[in-house]
Amino acid sequence: MTTTELPSSMRSTKHGSLDRTRRIRKTLTVLGLVAVAAVFLVPFYWMVSSALKPEHEIYSWPPQWIPSTFVLDHFARAWEVVPFGRFFVNSLIVTAAGSTLKVFLAVFSAYAFAFLRFPGKKILFLAVLGALMVPGHVTLLINYITIGNLGLINTYAGIFLPGLASAFGTFLLRQHFLSLPREVLEAAELDGCGHLRRLVHFVLPMSRPAVVTVALIAVIDEWNDFIWPLLVTNTLQARTLPIGLMFLKESEGVDQWGPIMAGTVLVILPMLLLFLFAQRYIIAGFAGAAARR
């Protein structure tokens, strides 16, 4: 007996059971997502609220989630204890220069792997994939020796130069470039466009989500980097924001969490705003790269 031959009461019972199952799955999915979001959002909210509440309320029990009065003294204290302004300028310069050059190199290398023919192309791309599996800390010593021999200790170039080659950015963009319509690029070639014109006028405009994704990842990596700037700088004037937080914690101690939380907010806020602005490009960028397997 087929489904259409079942009595109407049995069909309605079956459909009702399926609807209940879907509702239960949907509810469980929503509850799971809320739980995962809470794991990340509750510490973030506590950090922001601690930066805005009076010092005694940070240590009150039971915890006071909403400040009785909003104060900005912690931000002023964090700015005065360590030269946050100098740290901010250093991080801004290093991030802007490093991420721009990193995206520039990733775009050109990805275009070469996607559209050019040259000897050893597959072997070189396998080497790029292999670089994805090598932890960055493995190269710290040789990079430090190289930067030291070049006389770039305590310089902006010494901070961002060793990280300019982005294996992940090259891989992601190459996968996205391969998913682009070949007809458009072939028509551009027939019209006499060289590789540079094809890249600038056709490939990049069609790859904006992927390029923005790589740029955002590069900016976050440069902004949050801690170990390498700590190794390659030894003066306070050359330090970046993540290292400034360490100095702030050492200056305030473990019993003055208000300024420390305020300093953390100052470090996180620019990247958070940037992520919220570019998140739709990130989803589109990864979706485009996954289209070509």
Protein backbone atom coordinates (compact mmCIF):
# COMPACT_ATOMS: atom_id res chain seq x y z
CA MET A 1 0.00 0.00 0.00
CA THR A 2 1.46 3.36 -1.04
CA THR A 3 1.32 6.57 0.93
CA THR A 4 -1.50 7.89 -1.22
CA GLU A 5 -3.50 4.73 -0.50
CA LEU A 6 -3.24 5.19 3.31
CA PRO A 7 -6.28 6.47 5.13
CA SER A 8 -6.29 10.22 5.71
CA SER A 9 -6.07 9.76 9.49
CA MET A 10 -2.89 7.67 9.16
CA ARG A 11 -1.34 10.14 6.73
CA SER A 12 -2.05 13.07 9.06
CA THR A 13 -0.58 11.12 11.99
CA LYS A 14 2.60 10.39 9.99
CA HIS A 15 3.00 14.01 8.88
CA GLY A 16 2.36 15.21 12.42
CA SER A 17 5.09 12.91 13.73
CA LEU A 18 7.54 14.23 11.11
CA ASP A 19 6.69 17.82 12.01
CA ARG A 20 7.27 17.13 15.68
CA THR A 21 10.63 15.54 14.89
CA ARG A 22 11.67 18.57 12.82
CA ARG A 23 10.59 20.95 15.59
CA ILE A 24 12.55 18.97 18.19
CA ARG A 25 15.66 18.97 15.99
CA LYS A 26 15.30 22.68 15.33
CA THR A 27 14.86 23.40 19.03
CA LEU A 28 17.89 21.31 19.97
CA THR A 29 19.95 23.05 17.27
CA VAL A 30 18.95 26.49 18.55
CA LEU A 31 19.70 25.51 22.15
CA GLY A 32 23.11 24.15 21.10
CA LEU A 33 23.95 27.35 19.24
CA VAL A 34 22.85 29.47 22.21
CA ALA A 35 25.06 27.39 24.54
CA VAL A 36 28.07 27.76 22.23
CA ALA A 37 27.45 31.50 21.88
CA ALA A 38 27.21 31.85 25.67
CA VAL A 39 30.63 30.23 26.09
CA PHE A 40 32.16 33.07 24.03
CA LEU A 41 29.85 35.97 24.87
CA VAL A 42 29.70 35.66 28.67
CA PRO A 43 33.48 36.18 29.18
CA PHE A 44 33.41 39.04 26.67
CA TYR A 45 30.49 40.69 28.47
CA TRP A 46 32.24 40.27 31.82
CA MET A 47 35.36 41.91 30.41
CA VAL A 48 33.41 44.93 29.11
CA SER A 49 31.33 45.27 32.27
CA SER A 50 34.44 45.04 34.48
CA ALA A 51 36.05 47.82 32.45
CA LEU A 52 33.02 50.06 33.10
CA LYS A 53 32.16 49.27 36.74
CA PRO A 54 33.74 50.60 39.97
CA GLU A 55 36.67 48.56 41.27
CA HIS A 56 34.86 47.10 44.31
CA GLU A 57 32.04 45.73 42.16
CA ILE A 58 34.47 43.58 40.15
CA TYR A 59 35.16 41.46 43.25
CA SER A 60 31.65 41.50 44.76
CA TRP A 61 29.83 38.25 45.50
CA PRO A 62 27.40 37.31 44.12
CA PRO A 63 28.73 38.75 40.86
CA GLN A 64 27.22 42.05 39.80
CA TRP A 65 26.62 41.71 36.09
CA ILE A 66 25.34 45.22 35.48
CA PRO A 67 27.42 48.11 36.88
CA SER A 68 25.59 50.33 39.34
CA THR A 69 27.41 53.32 37.78
CA PHE A 70 29.40 53.46 34.57
CA VAL A 71 32.91 54.83 35.03
CA LEU A 72 35.67 55.55 32.51
CA ASP A 73 38.49 55.89 35.04
CA HIS A 74 39.87 52.45 34.18
CA PHE A 75 40.44 53.49 30.56
CA ALA A 76 42.25 56.64 31.63
CA ARG A 77 44.34 54.63 34.09
CA ALA A 78 45.29 52.05 31.45
CA TRP A 79 46.28 54.84 29.03
CA GLU A 80 48.48 56.54 31.64
CA VAL A 81 50.25 53.53 33.19
CA VAL A 82 51.80 52.40 29.90
CA PRO A 83 52.25 54.39 26.65
CA PHE A 84 49.13 52.97 25.01
CA GLY A 85 49.16 55.72 22.40
CA ARG A 86 52.61 54.68 21.19
CA PHE A 87 51.65 50.99 21.27
CA PHE A 88 48.54 51.77 19.23
CA VAL A 89 50.52 53.65 16.58
CA ASN A 90 53.07 50.81 16.38
CA SER A 91 50.36 48.19 15.97
CA LEU A 92 48.56 50.31 13.39
CA ILE A 93 51.68 50.76 11.24
CA VAL A 94 52.78 47.14 11.51
CA THR A 95 49.27 45.84 10.79
CA ALA A 96 48.68 48.15 7.83
CA ALA A 97 52.05 47.49 6.19
CA GLY A 98 52.23 43.78 6.98
CA SER A 99 48.67 42.88 5.97
CA THR A 100 48.81 44.97 2.77
CA LEU A 101 52.02 43.31 1.58
CA LYS A 102 50.77 39.89 2.66
CA VAL A 103 47.56 40.22 0.61
CA PHE A 104 49.53 41.65 -2.34
CA LEU A 105 51.87 38.65 -2.41
CA ALA A 106 49.03 36.17 -1.86
CA VAL A 107 47.04 37.59 -4.79
CA PHE A 108 49.92 37.39 -7.25
CA SER A 109 51.13 33.96 -6.14
CA ALA A 110 47.57 32.58 -6.21
CA TYR A 111 47.05 33.96 -9.73
CA ALA A 112 50.27 32.30 -10.85
CA PHE A 113 49.25 28.93 -9.41
CA ALA A 114 45.76 29.21 -10.91
CA PHE A 115 46.40 30.50 -14.44
CA LEU A 116 50.09 30.37 -15.37
CA ARG A 117 52.14 27.45 -16.63
CA PHE A 118 55.69 27.11 -15.43
CA PRO A 119 58.08 24.26 -14.54
CA GLY A 120 57.60 22.75 -11.10
CA LYS A 121 54.19 24.35 -10.58
CA LYS A 122 52.63 21.32 -8.88
CA ILE A 123 55.68 20.72 -6.70
CA LEU A 124 55.74 24.35 -5.57
CA PHE A 125 52.04 24.26 -4.76
CA LEU A 126 52.57 21.09 -2.72
CA ALA A 127 55.29 23.00 -0.86
CA VAL A 128 52.75 25.75 -0.12
CA LEU A 129 50.34 23.15 1.23
CA GLY A 130 53.16 21.69 3.30
CA ALA A 131 53.85 25.12 4.77
CA LEU A 132 50.30 25.14 6.14
CA MET A 133 51.23 22.20 8.35
CA VAL A 134 54.41 23.75 9.79
CA PRO A 135 53.91 25.64 13.09
CA GLY A 136 55.09 29.23 12.88
CA HIS A 137 57.21 28.87 16.02
CA VAL A 138 59.51 26.46 14.18
CA THR A 139 60.95 29.37 12.19
CA LEU A 140 61.36 31.81 15.10
CA LEU A 141 65.09 31.20 15.59
CA ILE A 142 66.15 31.42 11.95
CA ASN A 143 63.94 34.48 11.44
CA TYR A 144 65.45 36.19 14.47
CA ILE A 145 69.00 35.49 13.24
CA THR A 146 68.11 36.81 9.78
CA ILE A 147 66.45 39.98 11.09
CA GLY A 148 69.37 40.56 13.46
CA ASN A 149 71.92 40.21 10.66
CA LEU A 150 69.95 42.72 8.60
CA GLY A 151 69.98 45.20 11.47
CA LEU A 152 66.20 45.33 11.73
CA ILE A 153 65.80 44.75 15.46
CA ASN A 154 63.39 47.31 16.99
CA THR A 155 62.05 48.33 13.58
CA TYR A 156 58.64 48.05 11.95
CA ALA A 157 60.13 46.09 9.05
CA GLY A 158 61.68 43.62 11.45
CA ILE A 159 58.25 42.90 12.89
CA PHE A 160 56.24 42.33 9.72
CA LEU A 161 58.77 41.12 7.13
CA PRO A 162 59.12 37.48 8.28
CA GLY A 163 55.37 36.89 8.07
CA LEU A 164 54.71 38.26 4.59
CA ALA A 165 54.41 34.85 2.91
CA SER A 166 50.89 33.58 3.60
CA ALA A 167 50.43 29.94 2.60
CA PHE A 168 46.81 30.01 3.71
CA GLY A 169 46.05 33.17 1.75
CA THR A 170 47.68 31.75 -1.38
CA PHE A 171 45.75 28.50 -1.05
CA LEU A 172 42.39 30.17 -0.41
CA LEU A 173 42.71 32.65 -3.28
CA ARG A 174 44.01 30.02 -5.69
CA GLN A 175 40.98 27.83 -4.96
CA HIS A 176 38.66 30.78 -5.48
CA PHE A 177 40.36 31.87 -8.71
CA LEU A 178 39.87 28.37 -10.12
CA SER A 179 36.12 28.67 -9.52
CA LEU A 180 35.79 31.80 -11.68
CA PRO A 181 34.05 31.48 -15.06
CA ARG A 182 36.65 30.61 -17.66
CA GLU A 183 34.62 32.20 -20.45
CA VAL A 184 35.14 35.70 -19.06
CA LEU A 185 38.90 35.26 -18.75
CA GLU A 186 39.18 33.69 -22.22
CA ALA A 187 37.20 36.59 -23.71
CA ALA A 188 39.54 39.05 -21.98
CA GLU A 189 42.54 37.20 -23.40
CA LEU A 190 41.06 37.32 -26.90
CA ASP A 191 40.61 41.08 -26.49
CA GLY A 192 44.35 41.39 -25.89
CA CYS A 193 44.38 41.71 -22.10
CA GLY A 194 47.62 40.63 -20.49
CA HIS A 195 47.87 38.88 -17.16
CA LEU A 196 48.06 42.08 -15.15
CA ARG A 197 44.98 43.60 -16.78
CA ARG A 198 43.06 40.35 -16.39
CA LEU A 199 43.99 40.23 -12.73
CA VAL A 200 43.10 43.86 -12.00
CA HIS A 201 39.99 44.26 -14.17
CA PHE A 202 38.42 40.80 -14.07
CA VAL A 203 39.82 38.41 -11.46
CA LEU A 204 39.95 40.77 -8.47
CA PRO A 205 36.48 42.34 -8.99
CA MET A 206 34.97 38.83 -9.17
CA SER A 207 36.98 37.73 -6.12
CA ARG A 208 36.22 40.55 -3.72
CA PRO A 209 34.80 38.29 -0.93
CA ALA A 210 37.84 36.01 -1.01
CA VAL A 211 40.31 38.91 -1.06
CA VAL A 212 38.50 40.62 1.83
CA THR A 213 38.58 37.34 3.77
CA VAL A 214 42.33 36.97 3.30
CA ALA A 215 42.86 40.63 4.18
CA LEU A 216 40.81 40.34 7.36
CA ILE A 217 42.68 37.22 8.49
CA ALA A 218 45.99 38.95 7.76
CA VAL A 219 44.96 42.06 9.72
CA ILE A 220 43.87 40.01 12.74
CA ASP A 221 47.09 37.96 12.67
CA GLU A 222 49.26 41.05 12.54
CA TRP A 223 47.27 42.92 15.18
CA ASN A 224 47.20 40.03 17.68
CA ASP A 225 50.74 38.72 17.15
CA PHE A 226 52.59 38.53 20.45
CA ILE A 227 55.57 36.17 20.39
CA TRP A 228 57.44 37.55 17.38
CA PRO A 229 57.14 41.28 18.26
CA LEU A 230 58.21 40.39 21.80
CA LEU A 231 61.35 38.69 20.50
CA VAL A 232 62.36 41.24 17.87
CA THR A 233 61.85 44.36 20.00
CA ASN A 234 63.56 45.24 23.26
CA THR A 235 62.57 48.87 23.80
CA LEU A 236 59.26 50.15 25.11
CA GLN A 237 58.87 52.56 22.18
CA ALA A 238 58.95 49.68 19.67
CA ARG A 239 56.39 47.45 21.38
CA THR A 240 52.91 46.68 20.06
CA LEU A 241 49.53 46.52 21.81
CA PRO A 242 49.50 42.82 22.84
CA ILE A 243 52.87 43.33 24.57
CA GLY A 244 51.51 46.55 26.08
CA LEU A 245 48.81 44.49 27.80
CA MET A 246 51.51 42.36 29.39
CA PHE A 247 53.27 45.48 30.71
CA LEU A 248 49.93 46.81 31.95
CA LYS A 249 49.26 43.62 33.90
CA GLU A 250 52.74 43.70 35.41
CA SER A 251 52.29 47.34 36.41
CA GLU A 252 48.83 46.94 37.94
CA GLY A 253 49.30 43.51 39.50
CA VAL A 254 46.63 40.86 39.94
CA ASP A 255 44.41 42.96 42.21
CA GLN A 256 43.68 45.81 39.76
CA TRP A 257 41.59 44.15 37.08
CA GLY A 258 39.64 47.27 36.06
CA PRO A 259 42.49 48.91 34.08
CA ILE A 260 43.57 45.54 32.70
CA MET A 261 40.06 44.85 31.40
CA ALA A 262 39.87 48.38 30.00
CA GLY A 263 43.17 47.90 28.16
CA THR A 264 41.94 44.58 26.78
CA VAL A 265 38.80 46.28 25.46
CA LEU A 266 40.96 48.89 23.73
CA VAL A 267 42.94 46.14 22.01
CA ILE A 268 39.96 43.99 21.00
CA LEU A 269 37.49 46.69 19.92
CA PRO A 270 39.10 47.66 16.55
CA MET A 271 39.27 44.02 15.42
CA LEU A 272 35.73 43.34 16.61
CA LEU A 273 34.33 46.27 14.64
CA LEU A 274 36.32 45.21 11.58
CA PHE A 275 35.01 41.65 11.84
CA LEU A 276 31.39 42.79 12.18
CA PHE A 277 31.81 44.96 9.10
CA ALA A 278 33.40 42.22 6.96
CA GLN A 279 31.69 39.04 8.18
CA ARG A 280 29.44 38.73 5.12
CA TYR A 281 32.52 38.76 2.89
CA ILE A 282 34.11 36.01 4.98
CA ILE A 283 31.17 33.65 4.44
CA ALA A 284 31.12 34.37 0.71
CA GLY A 285 34.91 33.99 0.48
CA PHE A 286 35.00 30.54 2.08
CA ALA A 287 31.97 29.45 0.06
CA GLY A 288 33.72 30.46 -3.16
CA ALA A 289 36.88 28.59 -2.23
CA ALA A 290 34.87 25.47 -1.39
CA ALA A 291 33.21 25.55 -4.81
CA ARG A 292 36.45 24.28 -6.33
CA ARG A 293 37.74 21.06 -4.78
